[in-house]
C-alpha atoms as a PDB file:
ATOM      1  CA  MET A   1     -43.906   0.363  74.501  1.00  0.00           C
ATOM      2  CA  THR A   2     -42.207  -2.685  75.992  1.00  0.00           C
ATOM      3  CA  PHE A   3     -41.323  -6.178  74.711  1.00  0.00           C
ATOM      4  CA  VAL A   4     -41.908  -9.645  76.396  1.00  0.00           C
ATOM      5  CA  HIS A   5     -38.898 -11.003  74.529  1.00  0.00           C
ATOM      6  CA  PRO A   6     -36.418  -7.988  74.352  1.00  0.00           C
ATOM      7  CA  TRP A   7     -33.435 -10.413  73.562  1.00  0.00           C
ATOM      8  CA  VAL A   8     -35.212 -10.872  70.193  1.00  0.00           C
ATOM      9  CA  LEU A   9     -34.360  -7.253  69.200  1.00  0.00           C
ATOM     10  CA  LEU A  10     -30.709  -8.129  69.097  1.00  0.00           C
ATOM     11  CA  LEU A  11     -31.448  -9.960  66.016  1.00  0.00           C
ATOM     12  CA  LEU A  12     -32.416  -6.831  64.327  1.00  0.00           C
ATOM     13  CA  ILE A  13     -28.908  -6.593  63.195  1.00  0.00           C
ATOM     14  CA  VAL A  14     -29.594  -9.427  60.433  1.00  0.00           C
ATOM     15  CA  PRO A  15     -31.958  -7.066  58.598  1.00  0.00           C
ATOM     16  CA  VAL A  16     -29.788  -4.188  58.891  1.00  0.00           C
ATOM     17  CA  LEU A  17     -26.974  -6.138  57.289  1.00  0.00           C
ATOM     18  CA  LEU A  18     -29.302  -7.717  54.689  1.00  0.00           C
ATOM     19  CA  GLY A  19     -30.402  -3.972  53.821  1.00  0.00           C
ATOM     20  CA  LEU A  20     -26.949  -2.725  53.403  1.00  0.00           C
ATOM     21  CA  TRP A  21     -26.032  -5.881  51.159  1.00  0.00           C
ATOM     22  CA  LEU A  22     -29.274  -5.410  49.108  1.00  0.00           C
ATOM     23  CA  ALA A  23     -28.679  -1.679  48.597  1.00  0.00           C
ATOM     24  CA  GLN A  24     -25.134  -2.444  47.222  1.00  0.00           C
ATOM     25  CA  ARG A  25     -25.430  -5.575  45.299  1.00  0.00           C
ATOM     26  CA  ARG A  26     -26.571  -3.841  42.047  1.00  0.00           C
ATOM     27  CA  ALA A  27     -22.792  -3.071  41.348  1.00  0.00           C
ATOM     28  CA  TRP A  28     -22.205  -6.750  40.786  1.00  0.00           C
ATOM     29  CA  GLY A  29     -24.029  -6.777  37.332  1.00  0.00           C
ATOM     30  CA  VAL A  30     -22.918  -7.767  33.904  1.00  0.00           C
ATOM     31  CA  ALA A  31     -20.726  -5.127  32.310  1.00  0.00           C
ATOM     32  CA  LEU A  32     -22.360  -4.083  28.801  1.00  0.00           C
ATOM     33  CA  PRO A  33     -20.937  -1.556  26.143  1.00  0.00           C
ATOM     34  CA  PHE A  34     -23.265   1.281  26.999  1.00  0.00           C
ATOM     35  CA  ASP A  35     -22.123   1.076  30.566  1.00  0.00           C
ATOM     36  CA  HIS A  36     -18.978   2.794  29.479  1.00  0.00           C
ATOM     37  CA  ARG A  37     -20.907   6.084  28.104  1.00  0.00           C
ATOM     38  CA  SER A  38     -21.750   8.729  30.412  1.00  0.00           C
ATOM     39  CA  HIS A  39     -25.355   8.721  31.891  1.00  0.00           C
ATOM     40  CA  ARG A  40     -27.519  11.436  33.425  1.00  0.00           C
ATOM     41  CA  ARG A  41     -27.863  11.043  37.293  1.00  0.00           C
ATOM     42  CA  ARG A  42     -31.343   9.979  38.229  1.00  0.00           C
ATOM     43  CA  ARG A  43     -31.226  10.526  41.957  1.00  0.00           C
ATOM     44  CA  VAL A  44     -34.917  10.024  42.494  1.00  0.00           C
ATOM     45  CA  LEU A  45     -35.036   6.918  40.507  1.00  0.00           C
ATOM     46  CA  ARG A  46     -32.140   5.561  42.349  1.00  0.00           C
ATOM     47  CA  ALA A  47     -33.329   6.057  45.693  1.00  0.00           C
ATOM     48  CA  LEU A  48     -36.873   4.721  44.674  1.00  0.00           C
ATOM     49  CA  LEU A  49     -35.240   1.637  43.218  1.00  0.00           C
ATOM     50  CA  THR A  50     -32.933   0.976  46.312  1.00  0.00           C
ATOM     51  CA  GLY A  51     -35.976   1.370  48.509  1.00  0.00           C
ATOM     52  CA  PHE A  52     -37.792  -1.520  46.874  1.00  0.00           C
ATOM     53  CA  GLU A  53     -34.566  -3.545  47.044  1.00  0.00           C
ATOM     54  CA  ILE A  54     -34.396  -3.281  50.780  1.00  0.00           C
ATOM     55  CA  LEU A  55     -37.959  -4.153  51.374  1.00  0.00           C
ATOM     56  CA  PRO A  56     -37.252  -7.827  52.335  1.00  0.00           C
ATOM     57  CA  ALA A  57     -34.943  -6.638  54.938  1.00  0.00           C
ATOM     58  CA  VAL A  58     -37.671  -4.421  56.189  1.00  0.00           C
ATOM     59  CA  LEU A  59     -40.116  -7.129  56.317  1.00  0.00           C
ATOM     60  CA  LEU A  60     -37.647  -9.328  58.199  1.00  0.00           C
ATOM     61  CA  ALA A  61     -37.490  -6.481  60.864  1.00  0.00           C
ATOM     62  CA  ILE A  62     -41.081  -6.202  61.215  1.00  0.00           C
ATOM     63  CA  ALA A  63     -41.366 -10.078  61.774  1.00  0.00           C
ATOM     64  CA  LEU A  64     -38.688 -10.006  64.343  1.00  0.00           C
ATOM     65  CA  LEU A  65     -40.505  -7.026  66.212  1.00  0.00           C
ATOM     66  CA  ILE A  66     -43.524  -9.230  66.274  1.00  0.00           C
ATOM     67  CA  LEU A  67     -41.571 -12.203  67.740  1.00  0.00           C
ATOM     68  CA  ALA A  68     -40.534  -9.805  70.482  1.00  0.00           C
ATOM     69  CA  ARG A  69     -44.164  -9.520  71.402  1.00  0.00           C
ATOM     70  CA  PRO A  70     -44.790  -5.891  71.776  1.00  0.00           C
ATOM     71  CA  GLN A  71     -46.828  -4.562  74.663  1.00  0.00           C
ATOM     72  CA  VAL A  72     -48.333  -1.285  75.725  1.00  0.00           C
ATOM     73  CA  LEU A  73     -50.196  -0.166  79.114  1.00  0.00           C
ATOM     74  CA  ARG A  74     -53.946  -0.184  78.400  1.00  0.00           C
ATOM     75  CA  VAL A  75     -57.311  -0.238  80.365  1.00  0.00           C
ATOM     76  CA  PRO A  76     -59.103  -3.320  79.228  1.00  0.00           C
ATOM     77  CA  GLU A  77     -62.809  -3.312  78.742  1.00  0.00           C
ATOM     78  CA  GLN A  78     -64.741  -3.476  81.837  1.00  0.00           C
ATOM     79  CA  GLN A  79     -65.311  -6.848  83.563  1.00  0.00           C
ATOM     80  CA  ARG A  80     -68.821  -7.596  84.237  1.00  0.00           C
ATOM     81  CA  VAL A  81     -69.286  -8.735  87.848  1.00  0.00           C
ATOM     82  CA  LEU A  82     -71.247 -12.191  87.680  1.00  0.00           C
ATOM     83  CA  THR A  83     -74.751 -12.082  89.035  1.00  0.00           C
ATOM     84  CA  ASN A  84     -76.291 -15.646  90.110  1.00  0.00           C
ATOM     85  CA  ILE A  85     -79.967 -15.354  89.464  1.00  0.00           C
ATOM     86  CA  GLN A  86     -82.176 -18.265  90.547  1.00  0.00           C
ATOM     87  CA  ILE A  87     -85.580 -18.486  89.090  1.00  0.00           C
ATOM     88  CA  CYS A  88     -88.124 -20.361  91.375  1.00  0.00           C
ATOM     89  CA  LEU A  89     -91.094 -21.209  89.289  1.00  0.00           C
ATOM     90  CA  ASP A  90     -94.529 -22.318  90.417  1.00  0.00           C
ATOM     91  CA  VAL A  91     -95.634 -25.089  88.255  1.00  0.00           C
ATOM     92  CA  SER A  92     -98.981 -26.076  90.448  1.00  0.00           C
ATOM     93  CA  GLY A  93    -102.190 -26.760  88.875  1.00  0.00           C
ATOM     94  CA  SER A  94    -103.511 -23.168  89.371  1.00  0.00           C
ATOM     95  CA  MET A  95    -100.860 -21.780  86.968  1.00  0.00           C
ATOM     96  CA  THR A  96    -102.647 -23.258  84.144  1.00  0.00           C
ATOM     97  CA  VAL A  97    -105.554 -20.889  84.749  1.00  0.00           C
ATOM     98  CA  GLY A  98    -105.893 -17.782  82.641  1.00  0.00           C
ATOM     99  CA  GLY A  99    -102.460 -18.421  80.716  1.00  0.00           C
ATOM    100  CA  ARG A 100    -100.504 -17.633  83.784  1.00  0.00           C
ATOM    101  CA  TYR A 101     -97.558 -19.884  83.238  1.00  0.00           C
ATOM    102  CA  GLN A 102     -97.342 -18.814  79.781  1.00  0.00           C
ATOM    103  CA  ALA A 103     -97.193 -15.179  80.863  1.00  0.00           C
ATOM    104  CA  ALA A 104     -94.380 -16.168  83.362  1.00  0.00           C
ATOM    105  CA  ARG A 105     -92.554 -18.168  80.832  1.00  0.00           C
ATOM    106  CA  ALA A 106     -92.447 -15.429  78.252  1.00  0.00           C
ATOM    107  CA  ALA A 107     -91.327 -12.702  80.799  1.00  0.00           C
ATOM    108  CA  ILE A 108     -88.476 -15.133  82.056  1.00  0.00           C
ATOM    109  CA  GLU A 109     -87.308 -15.798  78.469  1.00  0.00           C
ATOM    110  CA  GLN A 110     -87.208 -11.966  77.928  1.00  0.00           C
ATOM    111  CA  PHE A 111     -85.373 -11.496  81.141  1.00  0.00           C
ATOM    112  CA  THR A 112     -82.682 -13.889  80.401  1.00  0.00           C
ATOM    113  CA  ARG A 113     -81.925 -12.304  76.982  1.00  0.00           C
ATOM    114  CA  ALA A 114     -81.631  -8.884  78.895  1.00  0.00           C
ATOM    115  CA  ARG A 115     -79.287 -10.567  81.365  1.00  0.00           C
ATOM    116  CA  GLU A 116     -76.756 -12.145  79.120  1.00  0.00           C
ATOM    117  CA  GLY A 117     -73.342 -12.538  81.010  1.00  0.00           C
ATOM    118  CA  ASP A 118     -74.992 -13.465  84.299  1.00  0.00           C
ATOM    119  CA  ALA A 119     -75.483 -17.179  85.397  1.00  0.00           C
ATOM    120  CA  PHE A 120     -79.073 -18.626  85.905  1.00  0.00           C
ATOM    121  CA  GLY A 121     -80.454 -21.567  87.641  1.00  0.00           C
ATOM    122  CA  LEU A 122     -84.056 -22.827  87.330  1.00  0.00           C
ATOM    123  CA  THR A 123     -86.160 -24.654  90.005  1.00  0.00           C
ATOM    124  CA  ILE A 124     -89.836 -25.722  89.481  1.00  0.00           C
ATOM    125  CA  PHE A 125     -92.070 -26.371  92.681  1.00  0.00           C
ATOM    126  CA  GLY A 126     -95.428 -27.214  93.607  1.00  0.00           C
ATOM    127  CA  SER A 127     -95.883 -29.303  96.672  1.00  0.00           C
ATOM    128  CA  GLU A 128     -92.391 -30.547  96.061  1.00  0.00           C
ATOM    129  CA  GLN A 129     -89.262 -29.019  94.455  1.00  0.00           C
ATOM    130  CA  VAL A 130     -87.239 -29.943  91.439  1.00  0.00           C
ATOM    131  CA  ARG A 131     -84.171 -28.478  90.257  1.00  0.00           C
ATOM    132  CA  TRP A 132     -84.867 -28.206  86.744  1.00  0.00           C
ATOM    133  CA  MET A 133     -81.701 -26.497  85.496  1.00  0.00           C
ATOM    134  CA  PRO A 134     -78.390 -26.063  87.523  1.00  0.00           C
ATOM    135  CA  LEU A 135     -76.433 -22.782  87.421  1.00  0.00           C
ATOM    136  CA  THR A 136     -75.363 -22.168  84.127  1.00  0.00           C
ATOM    137  CA  LYS A 137     -74.217 -19.251  81.804  1.00  0.00           C
ATOM    138  CA  ASP A 138     -75.786 -20.847  78.587  1.00  0.00           C
ATOM    139  CA  LEU A 139     -79.062 -18.724  79.006  1.00  0.00           C
ATOM    140  CA  GLN A 140     -80.370 -20.518  75.917  1.00  0.00           C
ATOM    141  CA  ALA A 141     -80.508 -23.868  77.894  1.00  0.00           C
ATOM    142  CA  ILE A 142     -82.695 -21.879  80.441  1.00  0.00           C
ATOM    143  CA  ARG A 143     -85.119 -20.840  77.686  1.00  0.00           C
ATOM    144  CA  ASN A 144     -85.214 -24.446  76.123  1.00  0.00           C
ATOM    145  CA  ALA A 145     -85.997 -25.883  79.483  1.00  0.00           C
ATOM    146  CA  LEU A 146     -89.032 -23.686  80.275  1.00  0.00           C
ATOM    147  CA  PRO A 147     -91.363 -25.380  77.746  1.00  0.00           C
ATOM    148  CA  PHE A 148     -90.782 -28.650  79.255  1.00  0.00           C
ATOM    149  CA  ALA A 149     -91.805 -27.324  82.861  1.00  0.00           C
ATOM    150  CA  ASP A 150     -95.231 -26.496  81.729  1.00  0.00           C
ATOM    151  CA  PRO A 151     -97.818 -27.325  84.720  1.00  0.00           C
ATOM    152  CA  THR A 152     -99.826 -29.533  82.391  1.00  0.00           C
ATOM    153  CA  PHE A 153     -96.944 -31.959  82.201  1.00  0.00           C
ATOM    154  CA  GLN A 154     -96.407 -32.371  86.066  1.00  0.00           C
ATOM    155  CA  PRO A 155     -97.492 -35.371  88.171  1.00  0.00           C
ATOM    156  CA  THR A 156    -100.371 -34.851  90.571  1.00  0.00           C
ATOM    157  CA  HIS A 157     -98.123 -34.465  93.756  1.00  0.00           C
ATOM    158  CA  MET A 158     -96.889 -31.248  92.181  1.00  0.00           C
ATOM    159  CA  GLY A 159    -100.486 -29.573  92.536  1.00  0.00           C
ATOM    160  CA  GLY A 160     -99.880 -27.907  95.726  1.00  0.00           C
ATOM    161  CA  THR A 161     -97.861 -24.700  96.548  1.00  0.00           C
ATOM    162  CA  SER A 162     -95.202 -24.553  99.139  1.00  0.00           C
ATOM    163  CA  ILE A 163     -93.285 -21.525  98.475  1.00  0.00           C
ATOM    164  CA  GLY A 164     -91.352 -21.493 101.696  1.00  0.00           C
ATOM    165  CA  ALA A 165     -89.807 -24.837 101.189  1.00  0.00           C
ATOM    166  CA  ALA A 166     -89.013 -23.873  97.494  1.00  0.00           C
ATOM    167  CA  ILE A 167     -87.081 -20.671  98.886  1.00  0.00           C
ATOM    168  CA  ARG A 168     -85.322 -22.934 101.341  1.00  0.00           C
ATOM    169  CA  PHE A 169     -84.453 -25.487  98.547  1.00  0.00           C
ATOM    170  CA  CYS A 170     -83.173 -22.664  96.244  1.00  0.00           C
ATOM    171  CA  ARG A 171     -80.890 -21.309  99.033  1.00  0.00           C
ATOM    172  CA  ARG A 172     -79.527 -24.557  99.710  1.00  0.00           C
ATOM    173  CA  ASN A 173     -78.412 -24.956  96.054  1.00  0.00           C
ATOM    174  CA  MET A 174     -77.091 -21.316  95.757  1.00  0.00           C
ATOM    175  CA  LEU A 175     -74.972 -22.221  98.821  1.00  0.00           C
ATOM    176  CA  ALA A 176     -73.745 -25.543  97.532  1.00  0.00           C
ATOM    177  CA  GLU A 177     -72.904 -24.135  94.071  1.00  0.00           C
ATOM    178  CA  ASP A 178     -70.717 -21.612  96.130  1.00  0.00           C
ATOM    179  CA  ALA A 179     -70.262 -19.359  92.894  1.00  0.00           C
ATOM    180  CA  SER A 180     -68.922 -15.873  93.423  1.00  0.00           C
ATOM    181  CA  GLY A 181     -71.092 -12.654  92.665  1.00  0.00           C
ATOM    182  CA  ASP A 182     -74.474 -11.310  93.755  1.00  0.00           C
ATOM    183  CA  ARG A 183     -77.054 -13.810  94.644  1.00  0.00           C
ATOM    184  CA  LEU A 184     -80.629 -12.967  93.414  1.00  0.00           C
ATOM    185  CA  LEU A 185     -83.819 -15.165  93.829  1.00  0.00           C
ATOM    186  CA  ILE A 186     -86.961 -14.479  91.903  1.00  0.00           C
ATOM    187  CA  VAL A 187     -89.995 -16.435  92.887  1.00  0.00           C
ATOM    188  CA  VAL A 188     -92.923 -16.644  90.467  1.00  0.00           C
ATOM    189  CA  SER A 189     -96.174 -17.884  91.906  1.00  0.00           C
ATOM    190  CA  ASP A 190     -99.934 -17.368  91.771  1.00  0.00           C
ATOM    191  CA  GLY A 191    -100.658 -19.277  95.214  1.00  0.00           C
ATOM    192  CA  VAL A 192    -100.875 -18.678  99.026  1.00  0.00           C
ATOM    193  CA  SER A 193     -98.274 -20.585 100.667  1.00  0.00           C
ATOM    194  CA  PHE A 194     -99.410 -22.382 103.842  1.00  0.00           C
ATOM    195  CA  ASP A 195     -95.795 -23.123 105.127  1.00  0.00           C
ATOM    196  CA  LEU A 196     -94.989 -19.442 105.880  1.00  0.00           C
ATOM    197  CA  GLN A 197     -97.205 -19.220 109.134  1.00  0.00           C
ATOM    198  CA  GLY A 198     -96.196 -17.795 112.443  1.00  0.00           C
ATOM    199  CA  THR A 199     -92.575 -17.147 112.831  1.00  0.00           C
ATOM    200  CA  GLU A 200     -91.539 -19.026 109.597  1.00  0.00           C
ATOM    201  CA  PRO A 201     -91.290 -15.751 107.343  1.00  0.00           C
ATOM    202  CA  ASP A 202     -89.010 -14.089 109.716  1.00  0.00           C
ATOM    203  CA  GLU A 203     -86.980 -17.183 109.984  1.00  0.00           C
ATOM    204  CA  VAL A 204     -86.611 -17.536 106.216  1.00  0.00           C
ATOM    205  CA  ALA A 205     -85.996 -13.712 105.777  1.00  0.00           C
ATOM    206  CA  GLU A 206     -83.039 -14.039 108.385  1.00  0.00           C
ATOM    207  CA  GLU A 207     -81.646 -17.008 106.445  1.00  0.00           C
ATOM    208  CA  LEU A 208     -81.624 -15.075 103.215  1.00  0.00           C
ATOM    209  CA  GLN A 209     -79.959 -12.117 104.971  1.00  0.00           C
ATOM    210  CA  GLN A 210     -77.201 -14.281 106.475  1.00  0.00           C
ATOM    211  CA  ASP A 211     -76.553 -15.659 103.042  1.00  0.00           C
ATOM    212  CA  HIS A 212     -76.621 -12.248 101.201  1.00  0.00           C
ATOM    213  CA  ILE A 213     -79.513 -13.596  98.808  1.00  0.00           C
ATOM    214  CA  THR A 214     -81.927 -10.819  97.622  1.00  0.00           C
ATOM    215  CA  LEU A 215     -85.394 -12.118  97.040  1.00  0.00           C
ATOM    216  CA  TYR A 216     -87.983 -10.753  94.538  1.00  0.00           C
ATOM    217  CA  TYR A 217     -91.797 -12.140  94.518  1.00  0.00           C
ATOM    218  CA  VAL A 218     -93.687 -11.902  91.383  1.00  0.00           C
ATOM    219  CA  HIS A 219     -97.217 -12.871  92.273  1.00  0.00           C
ATOM    220  CA  VAL A 220     -99.003 -13.795  88.833  1.00  0.00           C
ATOM    221  CA  GLY A 221    -102.916 -13.621  89.368  1.00  0.00           C
ATOM    222  CA  THR A 222    -105.694 -11.443  90.342  1.00  0.00           C
ATOM    223  CA  ASP A 223    -105.722 -12.152  94.072  1.00  0.00           C
ATOM    224  CA  ARG A 224    -103.677 -10.266  96.402  1.00  0.00           C
ATOM    225  CA  SER A 225    -100.134 -11.537  97.466  1.00  0.00           C
ATOM    226  CA  THR A 226     -99.480 -12.515 101.042  1.00  0.00           C
ATOM    227  CA  ALA A 227     -97.996 -10.142 103.366  1.00  0.00           C
ATOM    228  CA  ALA A 228     -95.564 -12.906 104.555  1.00  0.00           C
ATOM    229  CA  LEU A 229     -93.932 -13.002 101.244  1.00  0.00           C
ATOM    230  CA  THR A 230     -93.951  -9.322 100.814  1.00  0.00           C
ATOM    231  CA  ASP A 231     -92.194  -9.075 104.296  1.00  0.00           C
ATOM    232  CA  ILE A 232     -89.483 -11.811 103.222  1.00  0.00           C
ATOM    233  CA  ALA A 233     -88.678  -9.902  99.864  1.00  0.00           C
ATOM    234  CA  GLU A 234     -88.319  -6.357 101.698  1.00  0.00           C
ATOM    235  CA  LEU A 235     -86.296  -7.909 104.576  1.00  0.00           C
ATOM    236  CA  SER A 236     -83.710  -9.417 102.138  1.00  0.00           C
ATOM    237  CA  GLY A 237     -83.447  -6.184 100.161  1.00  0.00           C
ATOM    238  CA  GLY A 238     -85.849  -7.158  97.360  1.00  0.00           C
ATOM    239  CA  ALA A 239     -89.612  -6.368  96.751  1.00  0.00           C
ATOM    240  CA  ALA A 240     -93.010  -8.019  96.028  1.00  0.00           C
ATOM    241  CA  PHE A 241     -95.134  -7.382  92.814  1.00  0.00           C
ATOM    242  CA  ILE A 242     -98.336  -8.233  91.522  1.00  0.00           C
ATOM    243  CA  ALA A 243     -98.915  -8.804  87.861  1.00  0.00           C
ATOM    244  CA  THR A 244    -102.277  -9.848  86.519  1.00  0.00           C
ATOM    245  CA  ASP A 245    -101.406 -10.258  82.867  1.00  0.00           C
ATOM    246  CA  ARG A 246     -98.485 -10.938  80.520  1.00  0.00           C
ATOM    247  CA  VAL A 247     -97.738  -7.305  80.004  1.00  0.00           C
ATOM    248  CA  ALA A 248     -97.702  -6.641  83.674  1.00  0.00           C
ATOM    249  CA  VAL A 249     -95.467  -9.611  84.305  1.00  0.00           C
ATOM    250  CA  GLU A 250     -92.875  -8.300  81.612  1.00  0.00           C
ATOM    251  CA  ARG A 251     -92.993  -4.932  83.070  1.00  0.00           C
ATOM    252  CA  VAL A 252     -92.216  -6.467  86.620  1.00  0.00           C
ATOM    253  CA  PHE A 253     -89.215  -8.234  85.214  1.00  0.00           C
ATOM    254  CA  ARG A 254     -87.993  -5.175  83.503  1.00  0.00           C
ATOM    255  CA  HIS A 255     -88.242  -3.369  86.764  1.00  0.00           C
ATOM    256  CA  ILE A 256     -86.190  -5.807  88.558  1.00  0.00           C
ATOM    257  CA  ASP A 257     -83.637  -5.387  85.879  1.00  0.00           C
ATOM    258  CA  ARG A 258     -83.427  -1.849  86.648  1.00  0.00           C
ATOM    259  CA  MET A 259     -83.352  -2.408  90.222  1.00  0.00           C
ATOM    260  CA  GLU A 260     -80.624  -5.058  90.013  1.00  0.00           C
ATOM    261  CA  PRO A 261     -78.476  -3.646  87.194  1.00  0.00           C
ATOM    262  CA  ALA A 262     -75.309  -5.401  85.615  1.00  0.00           C
ATOM    263  CA  ARG A 263     -72.310  -4.166  87.554  1.00  0.00           C
ATOM    264  CA  PHE A 264     -68.763  -3.867  86.325  1.00  0.00           C
ATOM    265  CA  ALA A 265     -65.515  -4.074  88.158  1.00  0.00           C
ATOM    266  CA  PRO A 266     -63.143  -1.106  87.764  1.00  0.00           C
ATOM    267  CA  SER A 267     -60.216  -2.083  85.855  1.00  0.00           C
ATOM    268  CA  SER A 268     -56.503  -0.752  86.103  1.00  0.00           C
ATOM    269  CA  ALA A 269     -54.114  -0.483  83.127  1.00  0.00           C
ATOM    270  CA  ILE A 270     -52.302  -3.635  82.199  1.00  0.00           C
ATOM    271  CA  PRO A 271     -49.792  -4.607  79.701  1.00  0.00           C
ATOM    272  CA  MET A 272     -51.555  -5.768  76.425  1.00  0.00           C
ATOM    273  CA  ASP A 273     -49.984  -7.390  73.380  1.00  0.00           C
ATOM    274  CA  ILE A 274     -50.106  -4.802  70.443  1.00  0.00           C
ATOM    275  CA  PHE A 275     -49.639  -6.952  67.063  1.00  0.00           C
ATOM    276  CA  ALA A 276     -52.199  -5.102  64.821  1.00  0.00           C
ATOM    277  CA  PRO A 277     -49.866  -2.189  63.811  1.00  0.00           C
ATOM    278  CA  PHE A 278     -47.045  -4.318  63.141  1.00  0.00           C
ATOM    279  CA  ALA A 279     -49.213  -6.758  61.116  1.00  0.00           C
ATOM    280  CA  ILE A 280     -50.654  -3.976  59.191  1.00  0.00           C
ATOM    281  CA  ALA A 281     -47.179  -2.682  58.213  1.00  0.00           C
ATOM    282  CA  GLY A 282     -45.868  -5.921  57.403  1.00  0.00           C
ATOM    283  CA  LEU A 283     -48.800  -6.776  54.958  1.00  0.00           C
ATOM    284  CA  SER A 284     -48.227  -3.241  53.439  1.00  0.00           C
ATOM    285  CA  VAL A 285     -44.441  -3.806  52.996  1.00  0.00           C
ATOM    286  CA  LEU A 286     -45.245  -7.095  51.527  1.00  0.00           C
ATOM    287  CA  GLY A 287     -47.704  -5.975  49.017  1.00  0.00           C
ATOM    288  CA  LEU A 288     -45.336  -3.071  48.170  1.00  0.00           C
ATOM    289  CA  TRP A 289     -42.612  -5.393  47.551  1.00  0.00           C
ATOM    290  CA  VAL A 290     -44.648  -7.822  45.271  1.00  0.00           C
ATOM    291  CA  LEU A 291     -45.771  -4.681  43.207  1.00  0.00           C
ATOM    292  CA  GLY A 292     -42.216  -3.784  42.896  1.00  0.00           C
ATOM    293  CA  LEU A 293     -41.363  -7.158  41.329  1.00  0.00           C
ATOM    294  CA  LEU A 294     -43.403  -6.158  38.395  1.00  0.00           C
ATOM    295  CA  GLY A 295     -40.564  -3.656  37.486  1.00  0.00           C
ATOM    296  CA  MET A 296     -39.396  -1.607  39.983  1.00  0.00           C
ATOM    297  CA  ARG A 297     -36.103  -3.215  40.471  1.00  0.00           C
ATOM    298  CA  TYR A 298     -32.496  -3.177  39.195  1.00  0.00           C
ATOM    299  CA  THR A 299     -31.654  -5.195  36.110  1.00  0.00           C
ATOM    300  CA  PRO A 300     -28.752  -7.715  36.212  1.00  0.00           C
ATOM    301  CA  TRP A 301     -26.632  -5.628  33.808  1.00  0.00           C
END
């Protein structure tokens, strides 16, 4: 054990002297006639009363120890390595079919509850992209924002599906935020993107690789996912999934959670304050002294 302010320990001489004085002050009482008679020695009672007398000095010593800030070497709880997760959610008109948006929304809400401690951002897209929620660790804010992103509330120019542009939009946002930690991009859509033709998928995948962004694509619907999105996801280190209903969508998000588990940084022993034992001892001494005031003390004669 070490102390941050060891010079405070020099003041312990004060409670020592105070204790000696308290242990001896009973000799200064008023002399009464029966004091001149012989009495039976009661060593146990004498030691007990003396102990109660010096409790204030003990309490002062404990207070000085706390002021000196005692510390011990301990390994702190593991620090969670932050993961920056961007949800890129399709809000085009086709997402209203068959409750697709509701399934995606429920799965995202459940996913955020499982990833408390990470930072999330939310982007909605159709033909255009909107940064619906910037990166935040307040995941309740993400959940509260999802009902207002419903496709039925979107203007007509959001009716199309441009997944490639949405991925690049999220990538720029993640670079602009420049937050530490792993970068994870989850795209949820039900459509075929016409801006991922020719060499575009390879270029998008290369950009994600350069910026260390892992892409997961969740295809919500009954039709097959495009090969371009599957290739982009796999080249970035992620994967593509097809989910036909709400249960399947939730299962996909649970699978992503297992593939990208929370990581914890190794911790080394560091000095940490240790006040609890001294506080408990101080409260115990104080309670014992108060109890002793009910009768466990020397009388003034």
